Amino acid sequence: MAVPRYIQNFSRRRAILVSDDLRVGAALSPILSRLGLTICQKATAEGPIELAPAELDPCLDVILVDGDLPRMPVVPRAASGDAGPFVPVVGLVGVEAPSRLKTLLQIGATAFLAKPIHAGSVYSALYLAVNEHARKAELSGALEVHEQRRRQRRFVIKAVLKVMQERGCDDDAAFVYLRNQSMHARVSIEQYCQYVVQRSATRNESDSEPDMRLRLAE
């Protein structure tokens, strides 16, 4: 397994602070500036806050949510199956009530920062939030690739049977043949077998290389 590359520099990032308390913004602004971040504060007093994915960059933005808000903001979820937050989230904790901590966890907080804000704890919270978000996103992507290959394995069985019939060989030889062909085409064996089965179904035997615009397996 590859050693993860942890993010340590937060310069040129944007911190979106969702809090009705101006004192929180005043305390965080100079600390975040020294770390290279710009800060944008949003208050819920005028109405509910709903952050849209189009307004956010998961590689640059960090959301800091005040756990003492009467109304929590709507934080967009990632498109992947784990439904994690679209960007890293830090929860600001004033009252350490289980219900408020639960609410912050539900919106995707992966790090917490106690109020009143102390300069020495801000970097640690950012470090945990950003790197844990990146770790979960990478894990989710790997699981999605694994699930896609699992769905395509039915094509492997069909393709092996087809090659056995056409070449008069056993299943081991058919699998080796398909594996070699997939390596030559520079695609996974599952993807190549999907192509073979779909090509057979459409009776298009003239193609010599797999079309990389394969339909994804349902």
Protein backbone atom coordinates (compact mmCIF):
# COMPACT_ATOMS: atom_id res chain seq x y z
CA MET A 1 0.00 0.00 0.00
CA ALA A 2 1.32 3.44 -0.94
CA VAL A 3 2.23 5.79 1.88
CA PRO A 4 -0.33 8.63 1.94
CA ARG A 5 0.92 12.13 1.21
CA TYR A 6 -0.31 14.38 4.00
CA ILE A 7 -1.17 18.01 3.36
CA GLN A 8 0.73 20.37 5.64
CA ASN A 9 0.57 23.70 3.83
CA PHE A 10 -2.78 25.51 3.74
CA SER A 11 -1.71 28.67 1.94
CA ARG A 12 -4.05 30.01 -0.75
CA ARG A 13 -6.97 28.09 0.73
CA ARG A 14 -10.28 29.65 1.72
CA ALA A 15 -11.92 29.20 5.11
CA ILE A 16 -15.70 29.60 5.04
CA LEU A 17 -16.84 30.38 8.58
CA VAL A 18 -20.53 29.80 9.30
CA SER A 19 -21.22 31.58 12.59
CA ASP A 20 -23.47 34.33 13.90
CA ASP A 21 -20.83 35.35 16.44
CA LEU A 22 -18.62 38.11 15.05
CA ARG A 23 -16.12 37.48 17.85
CA VAL A 24 -15.36 34.06 16.40
CA GLY A 25 -14.52 35.60 13.05
CA ALA A 26 -12.41 38.30 14.69
CA ALA A 27 -10.44 35.66 16.61
CA LEU A 28 -9.94 33.34 13.64
CA SER A 29 -9.13 35.92 10.97
CA PRO A 30 -5.54 36.80 12.04
CA ILE A 31 -4.71 33.18 12.87
CA LEU A 32 -5.92 31.89 9.51
CA SER A 33 -4.19 34.75 7.70
CA ARG A 34 -0.87 33.72 9.23
CA LEU A 35 -1.47 30.21 7.91
CA GLY A 36 -2.11 31.60 4.42
CA LEU A 37 -5.89 31.25 4.33
CA THR A 38 -8.49 33.85 3.48
CA ILE A 39 -11.67 33.88 5.56
CA CYS A 40 -15.26 34.46 4.53
CA GLN A 41 -17.90 34.60 7.28
CA LYS A 42 -21.55 33.73 6.69
CA ALA A 43 -24.29 34.33 9.27
CA THR A 44 -27.56 32.45 9.60
CA ALA A 45 -29.41 35.36 11.20
CA GLU A 46 -30.80 36.53 7.86
CA GLY A 47 -31.88 33.06 6.75
CA PRO A 48 -30.74 29.46 6.30
CA ILE A 49 -27.42 28.93 4.55
CA GLU A 50 -27.18 26.38 1.78
CA LEU A 51 -23.73 25.98 0.27
CA ALA A 52 -23.80 24.77 -3.34
CA PRO A 53 -21.10 22.50 -4.83
CA ALA A 54 -20.62 25.00 -7.67
CA GLU A 55 -19.43 27.57 -5.12
CA LEU A 56 -16.91 25.24 -3.49
CA ASP A 57 -13.56 23.72 -4.41
CA PRO A 58 -12.72 20.54 -2.43
CA CYS A 59 -9.01 21.18 -3.02
CA LEU A 60 -9.07 24.74 -1.66
CA ASP A 61 -12.07 25.31 0.62
CA VAL A 62 -12.57 24.42 4.27
CA ILE A 63 -15.86 25.00 6.10
CA LEU A 64 -15.84 25.92 9.78
CA VAL A 65 -19.28 25.49 11.36
CA ASP A 66 -20.24 26.93 14.73
CA GLY A 67 -21.94 24.20 16.76
CA ASP A 68 -23.90 26.80 18.73
CA LEU A 69 -25.93 27.90 15.69
CA PRO A 70 -29.71 27.61 16.03
CA ARG A 71 -29.84 26.41 12.41
CA MET A 72 -27.10 24.34 10.82
CA PRO A 73 -26.04 25.16 7.24
CA VAL A 74 -26.67 22.73 4.41
CA VAL A 75 -23.27 21.31 3.50
CA PRO A 76 -23.21 19.56 0.08
CA ARG A 77 -22.32 15.90 0.02
CA ALA A 78 -19.77 14.21 -2.19
CA ALA A 79 -21.08 12.45 -5.28
CA SER A 80 -19.60 9.12 -4.21
CA GLY A 81 -21.51 6.47 -2.33
CA ASP A 82 -20.22 7.28 1.15
CA ALA A 83 -22.13 10.61 1.10
CA GLY A 84 -19.32 12.42 2.94
CA PRO A 85 -19.04 16.22 2.81
CA PHE A 86 -17.96 17.81 -0.46
CA VAL A 87 -15.22 19.79 1.31
CA PRO A 88 -13.43 19.40 4.68
CA VAL A 89 -15.51 20.51 7.68
CA VAL A 90 -14.28 21.71 11.09
CA GLY A 91 -16.78 21.91 13.94
CA LEU A 92 -16.49 24.81 16.41
CA VAL A 93 -17.51 23.57 19.85
CA GLY A 94 -18.69 25.91 22.58
CA VAL A 95 -21.10 23.80 24.61
CA GLU A 96 -19.93 20.18 24.65
CA ALA A 97 -23.42 18.70 24.61
CA PRO A 98 -23.74 15.28 22.92
CA SER A 99 -26.60 16.55 20.74
CA ARG A 100 -24.49 19.39 19.34
CA LEU A 101 -21.48 17.16 18.75
CA LYS A 102 -23.77 14.69 16.97
CA THR A 103 -25.11 17.46 14.74
CA LEU A 104 -21.58 18.50 13.76
CA LEU A 105 -20.69 14.89 12.97
CA GLN A 106 -23.82 14.56 10.84
CA ILE A 107 -22.82 17.48 8.62
CA GLY A 108 -19.41 15.88 8.12
CA ALA A 109 -17.03 17.43 10.65
CA THR A 110 -13.80 15.44 10.91
CA ALA A 111 -12.08 17.79 13.37
CA PHE A 112 -13.17 20.05 16.21
CA LEU A 113 -12.00 23.40 17.51
CA ALA A 114 -12.96 24.48 21.02
CA LYS A 115 -14.29 27.97 21.74
CA PRO A 116 -12.93 30.38 22.78
CA ILE A 117 -10.43 30.01 19.97
CA HIS A 118 -6.79 29.44 20.89
CA ALA A 119 -4.15 30.05 18.22
CA GLY A 120 -2.23 26.87 18.99
CA SER A 121 -5.16 24.57 18.18
CA VAL A 122 -6.23 25.98 14.80
CA TYR A 123 -3.49 24.37 12.71
CA SER A 124 -4.12 20.96 14.30
CA ALA A 125 -7.83 21.16 13.51
CA LEU A 126 -7.16 22.15 9.90
CA TYR A 127 -4.57 19.40 9.53
CA LEU A 128 -6.95 16.72 10.80
CA ALA A 129 -9.95 17.94 8.82
CA VAL A 130 -8.18 18.34 5.47
CA ASN A 131 -6.19 15.10 5.62
CA GLU A 132 -9.04 12.98 6.95
CA HIS A 133 -11.31 14.33 4.21
CA ALA A 134 -8.67 13.46 1.59
CA ARG A 135 -8.21 9.98 3.08
CA LYS A 136 -11.94 9.26 3.02
CA ALA A 137 -12.26 10.57 -0.54
CA GLU A 138 -9.41 8.32 -1.70
CA LEU A 139 -10.90 5.32 0.09
CA SER A 140 -14.31 6.03 -1.41
CA GLY A 141 -12.80 6.22 -4.89
CA ALA A 142 -10.99 2.91 -4.42
CA LEU A 143 -14.18 1.24 -3.19
CA GLU A 144 -16.09 2.60 -6.17
CA VAL A 145 -13.50 1.16 -8.57
CA HIS A 146 -13.69 -2.17 -6.75
CA GLU A 147 -17.49 -2.16 -6.94
CA GLN A 148 -17.37 -1.35 -10.66
CA ARG A 149 -15.02 -4.28 -11.28
CA ARG A 150 -17.27 -6.53 -9.20
CA ARG A 151 -20.26 -5.62 -11.38
CA GLN A 152 -18.22 -6.35 -14.50
CA ARG A 153 -17.14 -9.83 -13.37
CA ARG A 154 -20.26 -11.37 -14.85
CA PHE A 155 -18.80 -10.43 -18.22
CA VAL A 156 -15.61 -12.33 -17.35
CA ILE A 157 -17.57 -15.56 -16.94
CA LYS A 158 -19.44 -15.02 -20.19
CA ALA A 159 -16.25 -14.11 -22.07
CA VAL A 160 -14.39 -17.17 -20.74
CA LEU A 161 -17.21 -19.45 -21.91
CA LYS A 162 -17.22 -17.75 -25.30
CA VAL A 163 -13.45 -18.16 -25.76
CA MET A 164 -13.63 -21.81 -24.62
CA GLN A 165 -16.23 -22.47 -27.30
CA GLU A 166 -14.43 -20.58 -30.05
CA ARG A 167 -10.90 -21.83 -29.34
CA GLY A 168 -11.70 -25.27 -27.98
CA CYS A 169 -9.67 -24.75 -24.78
CA ASP A 170 -10.28 -25.12 -21.06
CA ASP A 171 -11.24 -22.29 -18.72
CA ASP A 172 -7.67 -21.62 -17.53
CA ALA A 173 -6.38 -21.18 -21.07
CA ALA A 174 -9.36 -18.99 -21.96
CA PHE A 175 -8.71 -16.76 -18.96
CA VAL A 176 -5.00 -16.45 -19.80
CA TYR A 177 -5.93 -15.50 -23.37
CA LEU A 178 -8.35 -12.81 -22.19
CA ARG A 179 -5.85 -11.49 -19.67
CA ASN A 180 -3.15 -11.18 -22.34
CA GLN A 181 -5.58 -9.43 -24.67
CA SER A 182 -6.60 -6.98 -21.95
CA MET A 183 -2.95 -6.21 -21.19
CA HIS A 184 -2.32 -5.61 -24.88
CA ALA A 185 -5.33 -3.27 -25.01
CA ARG A 186 -4.24 -1.58 -21.74
CA VAL A 187 -7.55 -2.07 -19.98
CA SER A 188 -8.62 -4.19 -17.03
CA ILE A 189 -9.63 -7.77 -17.79
CA GLU A 190 -13.16 -7.00 -16.59
CA GLN A 191 -13.43 -4.10 -19.01
CA TYR A 192 -12.03 -6.14 -21.89
CA CYS A 193 -14.43 -9.02 -21.20
CA GLN A 194 -17.33 -6.57 -21.16
CA TYR A 195 -16.24 -5.40 -24.59
CA VAL A 196 -15.97 -8.99 -25.88
CA VAL A 197 -19.47 -9.87 -24.68
CA GLN A 198 -21.04 -6.67 -25.97
CA ARG A 199 -19.27 -7.00 -29.31
CA SER A 200 -20.57 -10.54 -29.63
CA ALA A 201 -24.10 -9.40 -28.82
CA THR A 202 -24.04 -6.75 -31.54
CA ARG A 203 -22.29 -9.10 -34.01
CA ASN A 204 -19.64 -6.48 -34.67
CA GLU A 205 -16.65 -8.80 -35.19
CA SER A 206 -14.66 -6.33 -37.25
CA ASP A 207 -13.19 -4.39 -34.30
CA SER A 208 -9.61 -5.33 -33.48
CA GLU A 209 -9.21 -3.25 -30.31
CA PRO A 210 -11.68 -2.55 -27.53
CA ASP A 211 -13.63 0.68 -27.70
CA MET A 212 -12.62 2.65 -24.62
CA ARG A 213 -16.04 4.29 -24.51
CA LEU A 214 -17.62 1.16 -23.15
CA ARG A 215 -20.98 1.36 -21.52
CA LEU A 216 -20.64 0.88 -17.80
CA ALA A 217 -22.11 -2.31 -16.43
CA GLU A 218 -25.46 -1.82 -14.81
